PDB file of N, CA and C in Angstrom:
ATOM      1  N   GLY A   1      48.296  54.243   1.200  1.00  0.00           N
ATOM      2  CA  GLY A   1      47.296  55.129   0.609  1.00  0.00           C
ATOM      3  C   GLY A   1      46.679  56.058   1.648  1.00  0.00           C
ATOM      4  N   LEU A   2      45.671  56.803   1.212  1.00  0.00           N
ATOM      5  CA  LEU A   2      45.028  57.778   2.091  1.00  0.00           C
ATOM      6  C   LEU A   2      44.413  57.098   3.307  1.00  0.00           C
ATOM      7  N   GLY A   3      43.770  55.949   3.102  1.00  0.00           N
ATOM      8  CA  GLY A   3      43.160  55.229   4.224  1.00  0.00           C
ATOM      9  C   GLY A   3      44.184  54.879   5.287  1.00  0.00           C
ATOM     10  N   SER A   4      45.386  54.487   4.844  1.00  0.00           N
ATOM     11  CA  SER A   4      46.441  54.136   5.804  1.00  0.00           C
ATOM     12  C   SER A   4      46.828  55.352   6.617  1.00  0.00           C
ATOM     13  N   VAL A   5      46.946  56.503   5.964  1.00  0.00           N
ATOM     14  CA  VAL A   5      47.313  57.735   6.663  1.00  0.00           C
ATOM     15  C   VAL A   5      46.236  58.101   7.680  1.00  0.00           C
ATOM     16  N   LEU A   6      44.976  58.018   7.283  1.00  0.00           N
ATOM     17  CA  LEU A   6      43.883  58.337   8.204  1.00  0.00           C
ATOM     18  C   LEU A   6      43.875  57.379   9.376  1.00  0.00           C
ATOM     19  N   GLY A   7      44.133  56.113   9.113  1.00  0.00           N
ATOM     20  CA  GLY A   7      44.188  55.122  10.191  1.00  0.00           C
ATOM     21  C   GLY A   7      45.272  55.458  11.204  1.00  0.00           C
ATOM     22  N   LYS A   8      46.439  55.860  10.697  1.00  0.00           N
ATOM     23  CA  LYS A   8      47.537  56.220  11.596  1.00  0.00           C
ATOM     24  C   LYS A   8      47.158  57.423  12.449  1.00  0.00           C
ATOM     25  N   ILE A   9      46.524  58.416  11.831  1.00  0.00           N
ATOM     26  CA  ILE A   9      46.114  59.616  12.566  1.00  0.00           C
ATOM     27  C   ILE A   9      45.101  59.250  13.653  1.00  0.00           C
ATOM     28  N   LEU A  10      44.144  58.408  13.302  1.00  0.00           N
ATOM     29  CA  LEU A  10      43.131  58.001  14.282  1.00  0.00           C
ATOM     30  C   LEU A  10      43.767  57.235  15.431  1.00  0.00           C
ATOM     31  N   LYS A  11      44.719  56.362  15.113  1.00  0.00           N
ATOM     32  CA  LYS A  11      45.382  55.592  16.171  1.00  0.00           C
ATOM     33  C   LYS A  11      46.180  56.523  17.074  1.00  0.00           C
ATOM     34  N   MET A  12      46.899  57.469  16.485  1.00  0.00           N
ATOM     35  CA  MET A  12      47.691  58.397  17.297  1.00  0.00           C
ATOM     36  C   MET A  12      46.773  59.233  18.175  1.00  0.00           C
ATOM     37  N   GLY A  13      45.675  59.709  17.616  1.00  0.00           N
ATOM     38  CA  GLY A  13      44.728  60.511  18.383  1.00  0.00           C
ATOM     39  C   GLY A  13      44.148  59.721  19.547  1.00  0.00           C
ATOM     40  N   ALA A  14      43.781  58.466  19.283  1.00  0.00           N
ATOM     41  CA  ALA A  14      43.213  57.634  20.346  1.00  0.00           C
ATOM     42  C   ALA A  14      44.251  57.378  21.428  1.00  0.00           C
ATOM     43  N   ASN A  15      45.495  57.155  21.025  1.00  0.00           N
ATOM     44  CA  ASN A  15      46.555  56.925  22.009  1.00  0.00           C
ATOM     45  C   ASN A  15      46.730  58.160  22.883  1.00  0.00           C
ATOM     46  N   LEU A  16      46.678  59.331  22.286  1.00  0.00           N
ATOM     47  CA  LEU A  16      46.824  60.568  23.054  1.00  0.00           C
ATOM     48  C   LEU A  16      45.657  60.736  24.020  1.00  0.00           C
ATOM     49  N   LEU A  17      44.486  60.271  23.620  1.00  0.00           N
ATOM     50  CA  LEU A  17      43.308  60.427  24.467  1.00  0.00           C
ATOM     51  C   LEU A  17      43.240  59.373  25.562  1.00  0.00           C
ATOM     52  N   GLY A  18      44.117  58.408  25.531  1.00  0.00           N
ATOM     53  CA  GLY A  18      44.150  57.456  26.648  1.00  0.00           C
ATOM     54  C   GLY A  18      44.093  56.000  26.235  1.00  0.00           C
ATOM     55  N   GLY A  19      44.496  55.686  25.008  1.00  0.00           N
ATOM     56  CA  GLY A  19      44.572  54.275  24.635  1.00  0.00           C
ATOM     57  C   GLY A  19      43.615  53.920  23.519  1.00  0.00           C
ATOM     58  N   ALA A  20      44.156  53.347  22.456  1.00  0.00           N
ATOM     59  CA  ALA A  20      43.340  52.971  21.316  1.00  0.00           C
ATOM     60  C   ALA A  20      42.932  51.502  21.415  1.00  0.00           C
ATOM     61  N   PRO A  21      41.720  51.179  20.997  1.00  0.00           N
ATOM     62  CA  PRO A  21      41.313  49.768  20.914  1.00  0.00           C
ATOM     63  C   PRO A  21      42.131  49.068  19.842  1.00  0.00           C
ATOM     64  N   LYS A  22      42.667  47.902  20.156  1.00  0.00           N
ATOM     65  CA  LYS A  22      43.505  47.194  19.193  1.00  0.00           C
ATOM     66  C   LYS A  22      42.621  46.437  18.220  1.00  0.00           C
ATOM     67  N   GLN A  23      42.838  46.685  16.930  1.00  0.00           N
ATOM     68  CA  GLN A  23      42.034  46.052  15.898  1.00  0.00           C
ATOM     69  C   GLN A  23      42.903  45.233  14.962  1.00  0.00           C
TER      70      GLN A  23
END
């Protein structure tokens, strides 16, 4: 769903910025 897509975008953005917190 939409939430899943937003989650993926946020994770990709965080990874690009230097690492996403693992949840």
